[in-house]
Amino acid sequence: ASSSGQAYVYVDGVKAATVDLRSATTSYRQAIWTKSWSANARHTVKIVVVGTSGRPTVTTDGLVYIR
């Protein structure tokens, strides 16, 4: 949505991306960030809301893990 802000994505404690969720129109079920690994292993993904001035809200439909 136009009021959506930014979020940092961390993988295994390392910042992997900054995603900006602002859009002129509201969209649902869109992949906004993806990550692939070449081998099976345990990983941690953390999403941190930046608190973007004027648009501090971040909303997700969900997270998907495919093995």
N, C-alpha and C. Protein backbone atom coordinates (compact mmCIF):
# COMPACT_ATOMS: atom_id res chain seq x y z
N ALA A 1 0.84 -1.19 0.00
CA ALA A 1 0.00 0.00 0.00
C ALA A 1 0.88 1.25 0.00
N SER A 2 0.32 2.37 -0.28
CA SER A 2 1.10 3.62 -0.32
C SER A 2 1.61 4.04 1.05
N SER A 3 1.02 3.51 2.11
CA SER A 3 1.45 3.86 3.47
C SER A 3 2.45 2.86 4.05
N SER A 4 2.81 1.83 3.28
CA SER A 4 3.74 0.81 3.77
C SER A 4 5.18 1.30 3.74
N GLY A 5 5.96 0.88 4.73
CA GLY A 5 7.33 1.33 4.86
C GLY A 5 8.34 0.29 4.44
N GLN A 6 9.51 0.37 5.05
CA GLN A 6 10.62 -0.51 4.72
C GLN A 6 10.89 -1.50 5.85
N ALA A 7 11.53 -2.59 5.47
CA ALA A 7 11.96 -3.60 6.45
C ALA A 7 13.33 -4.11 6.05
N TYR A 8 14.13 -4.45 7.07
CA TYR A 8 15.42 -5.10 6.85
C TYR A 8 15.20 -6.60 6.96
N VAL A 9 15.87 -7.36 6.11
CA VAL A 9 15.83 -8.81 6.18
C VAL A 9 17.22 -9.30 6.55
N TYR A 10 17.29 -10.05 7.64
CA TYR A 10 18.56 -10.63 8.10
C TYR A 10 18.50 -12.13 7.92
N VAL A 11 19.60 -12.70 7.45
CA VAL A 11 19.72 -14.15 7.33
C VAL A 11 20.94 -14.57 8.14
N ASP A 12 20.72 -15.42 9.10
CA ASP A 12 21.79 -15.90 9.97
C ASP A 12 22.56 -14.74 10.61
N GLY A 13 21.84 -13.69 10.99
CA GLY A 13 22.44 -12.56 11.68
C GLY A 13 23.09 -11.52 10.79
N VAL A 14 23.06 -11.72 9.48
CA VAL A 14 23.68 -10.78 8.54
C VAL A 14 22.59 -10.13 7.69
N LYS A 15 22.65 -8.79 7.59
CA LYS A 15 21.65 -8.08 6.79
C LYS A 15 21.77 -8.48 5.33
N ALA A 16 20.68 -9.04 4.78
CA ALA A 16 20.68 -9.54 3.42
C ALA A 16 19.96 -8.60 2.45
N ALA A 17 19.03 -7.78 2.97
CA ALA A 17 18.27 -6.91 2.08
C ALA A 17 17.52 -5.84 2.85
N THR A 18 17.21 -4.77 2.15
CA THR A 18 16.24 -3.78 2.60
C THR A 18 15.12 -3.81 1.59
N VAL A 19 13.91 -4.09 2.04
CA VAL A 19 12.77 -4.13 1.13
C VAL A 19 11.85 -2.94 1.41
N ASP A 20 11.39 -2.32 0.35
CA ASP A 20 10.46 -1.19 0.47
C ASP A 20 9.10 -1.67 -0.02
N LEU A 21 8.12 -1.67 0.85
CA LEU A 21 6.80 -2.22 0.55
C LEU A 21 5.82 -1.18 -0.01
N ARG A 22 6.29 0.04 -0.23
CA ARG A 22 5.42 1.10 -0.76
C ARG A 22 5.00 0.76 -2.18
N SER A 23 3.71 0.96 -2.45
CA SER A 23 3.15 0.71 -3.78
C SER A 23 1.99 1.67 -4.00
N ALA A 24 1.80 2.11 -5.22
CA ALA A 24 0.69 3.01 -5.54
C ALA A 24 -0.66 2.33 -5.30
N THR A 25 -0.70 1.02 -5.48
CA THR A 25 -1.94 0.26 -5.24
C THR A 25 -1.63 -0.87 -4.26
N THR A 26 -2.62 -1.29 -3.52
CA THR A 26 -2.47 -2.39 -2.59
C THR A 26 -2.40 -3.71 -3.35
N SER A 27 -1.40 -4.53 -3.04
CA SER A 27 -1.23 -5.84 -3.66
C SER A 27 -1.18 -6.90 -2.57
N TYR A 28 -1.63 -8.09 -2.90
CA TYR A 28 -1.63 -9.20 -1.95
C TYR A 28 -0.85 -10.36 -2.52
N ARG A 29 -0.24 -11.17 -1.63
CA ARG A 29 0.45 -12.40 -1.97
C ARG A 29 1.52 -12.20 -3.05
N GLN A 30 2.32 -11.18 -2.89
CA GLN A 30 3.43 -10.92 -3.80
C GLN A 30 4.73 -11.32 -3.10
N ALA A 31 5.62 -11.96 -3.81
CA ALA A 31 6.93 -12.29 -3.26
C ALA A 31 7.77 -11.02 -3.27
N ILE A 32 8.17 -10.55 -2.10
CA ILE A 32 8.94 -9.31 -2.04
C ILE A 32 10.41 -9.56 -1.78
N TRP A 33 10.76 -10.78 -1.39
CA TRP A 33 12.15 -11.16 -1.18
C TRP A 33 12.24 -12.67 -1.19
N THR A 34 13.27 -13.21 -1.83
CA THR A 34 13.48 -14.66 -1.84
C THR A 34 14.95 -14.96 -1.59
N LYS A 35 15.20 -16.17 -1.13
CA LYS A 35 16.57 -16.62 -0.87
C LYS A 35 16.63 -18.11 -1.12
N SER A 36 17.68 -18.57 -1.79
CA SER A 36 17.90 -19.99 -2.04
C SER A 36 19.26 -20.39 -1.52
N TRP A 37 19.37 -21.65 -1.11
CA TRP A 37 20.64 -22.21 -0.68
C TRP A 37 20.93 -23.45 -1.51
N SER A 38 22.20 -23.74 -1.70
CA SER A 38 22.59 -24.89 -2.51
C SER A 38 22.58 -26.20 -1.73
N ALA A 39 22.55 -26.12 -0.39
CA ALA A 39 22.56 -27.33 0.43
C ALA A 39 21.63 -27.15 1.63
N ASN A 40 21.15 -28.26 2.16
CA ASN A 40 20.31 -28.22 3.35
C ASN A 40 21.12 -27.79 4.57
N ALA A 41 20.55 -26.89 5.35
CA ALA A 41 21.16 -26.45 6.60
C ALA A 41 20.12 -25.64 7.36
N ARG A 42 20.34 -25.43 8.63
CA ARG A 42 19.43 -24.64 9.45
C ARG A 42 19.81 -23.17 9.29
N HIS A 43 18.81 -22.32 9.04
CA HIS A 43 19.03 -20.88 8.88
C HIS A 43 17.99 -20.12 9.70
N THR A 44 18.31 -18.90 10.05
CA THR A 44 17.40 -18.01 10.75
C THR A 44 17.14 -16.80 9.87
N VAL A 45 15.86 -16.47 9.69
CA VAL A 45 15.47 -15.28 8.93
C VAL A 45 14.75 -14.35 9.90
N LYS A 46 15.19 -13.10 9.95
CA LYS A 46 14.58 -12.12 10.84
C LYS A 46 14.18 -10.90 10.01
N ILE A 47 12.97 -10.40 10.23
CA ILE A 47 12.47 -9.20 9.56
C ILE A 47 12.34 -8.11 10.60
N VAL A 48 12.98 -6.96 10.33
CA VAL A 48 12.98 -5.83 11.26
C VAL A 48 12.34 -4.64 10.57
N VAL A 49 11.29 -4.09 11.17
CA VAL A 49 10.62 -2.92 10.61
C VAL A 49 11.52 -1.70 10.81
N VAL A 50 11.79 -0.97 9.73
CA VAL A 50 12.68 0.19 9.78
C VAL A 50 12.04 1.35 10.53
N GLY A 51 10.73 1.54 10.38
CA GLY A 51 10.05 2.70 10.97
C GLY A 51 10.18 3.91 10.07
N THR A 52 9.98 3.69 8.78
CA THR A 52 10.12 4.73 7.76
C THR A 52 9.25 5.94 8.09
N SER A 53 9.83 7.12 8.09
CA SER A 53 9.10 8.35 8.40
C SER A 53 7.90 8.54 7.48
N GLY A 54 6.73 8.76 8.08
CA GLY A 54 5.51 8.97 7.32
C GLY A 54 4.82 7.70 6.87
N ARG A 55 5.49 6.59 6.95
CA ARG A 55 4.90 5.30 6.57
C ARG A 55 5.59 4.17 7.35
N PRO A 56 5.35 4.14 8.66
CA PRO A 56 6.08 3.21 9.53
C PRO A 56 5.52 1.78 9.58
N THR A 57 4.47 1.49 8.83
CA THR A 57 3.80 0.20 8.93
C THR A 57 4.32 -0.80 7.90
N VAL A 58 4.52 -2.03 8.35
CA VAL A 58 4.87 -3.14 7.46
C VAL A 58 3.90 -4.27 7.74
N THR A 59 3.26 -4.77 6.69
CA THR A 59 2.29 -5.86 6.83
C THR A 59 2.71 -7.00 5.91
N THR A 60 2.63 -8.23 6.40
CA THR A 60 2.94 -9.39 5.56
C THR A 60 1.73 -10.31 5.51
N ASP A 61 1.60 -11.01 4.40
CA ASP A 61 0.57 -12.05 4.28
C ASP A 61 1.10 -13.35 4.88
N GLY A 62 2.42 -13.51 4.91
CA GLY A 62 2.99 -14.72 5.48
C GLY A 62 4.40 -14.96 4.99
N LEU A 63 4.98 -16.04 5.51
CA LEU A 63 6.31 -16.50 5.10
C LEU A 63 6.16 -17.91 4.58
N VAL A 64 6.93 -18.24 3.55
CA VAL A 64 6.84 -19.58 2.96
C VAL A 64 8.22 -20.23 2.99
N TYR A 65 8.25 -21.45 3.44
CA TYR A 65 9.47 -22.25 3.47
C TYR A 65 9.21 -23.47 2.58
N ILE A 66 10.03 -23.65 1.57
CA ILE A 66 9.88 -24.79 0.66
C ILE A 66 11.14 -25.63 0.74
N ARG A 67 10.96 -26.89 0.99
CA ARG A 67 12.12 -27.78 1.11
C ARG A 67 12.21 -28.70 -0.06
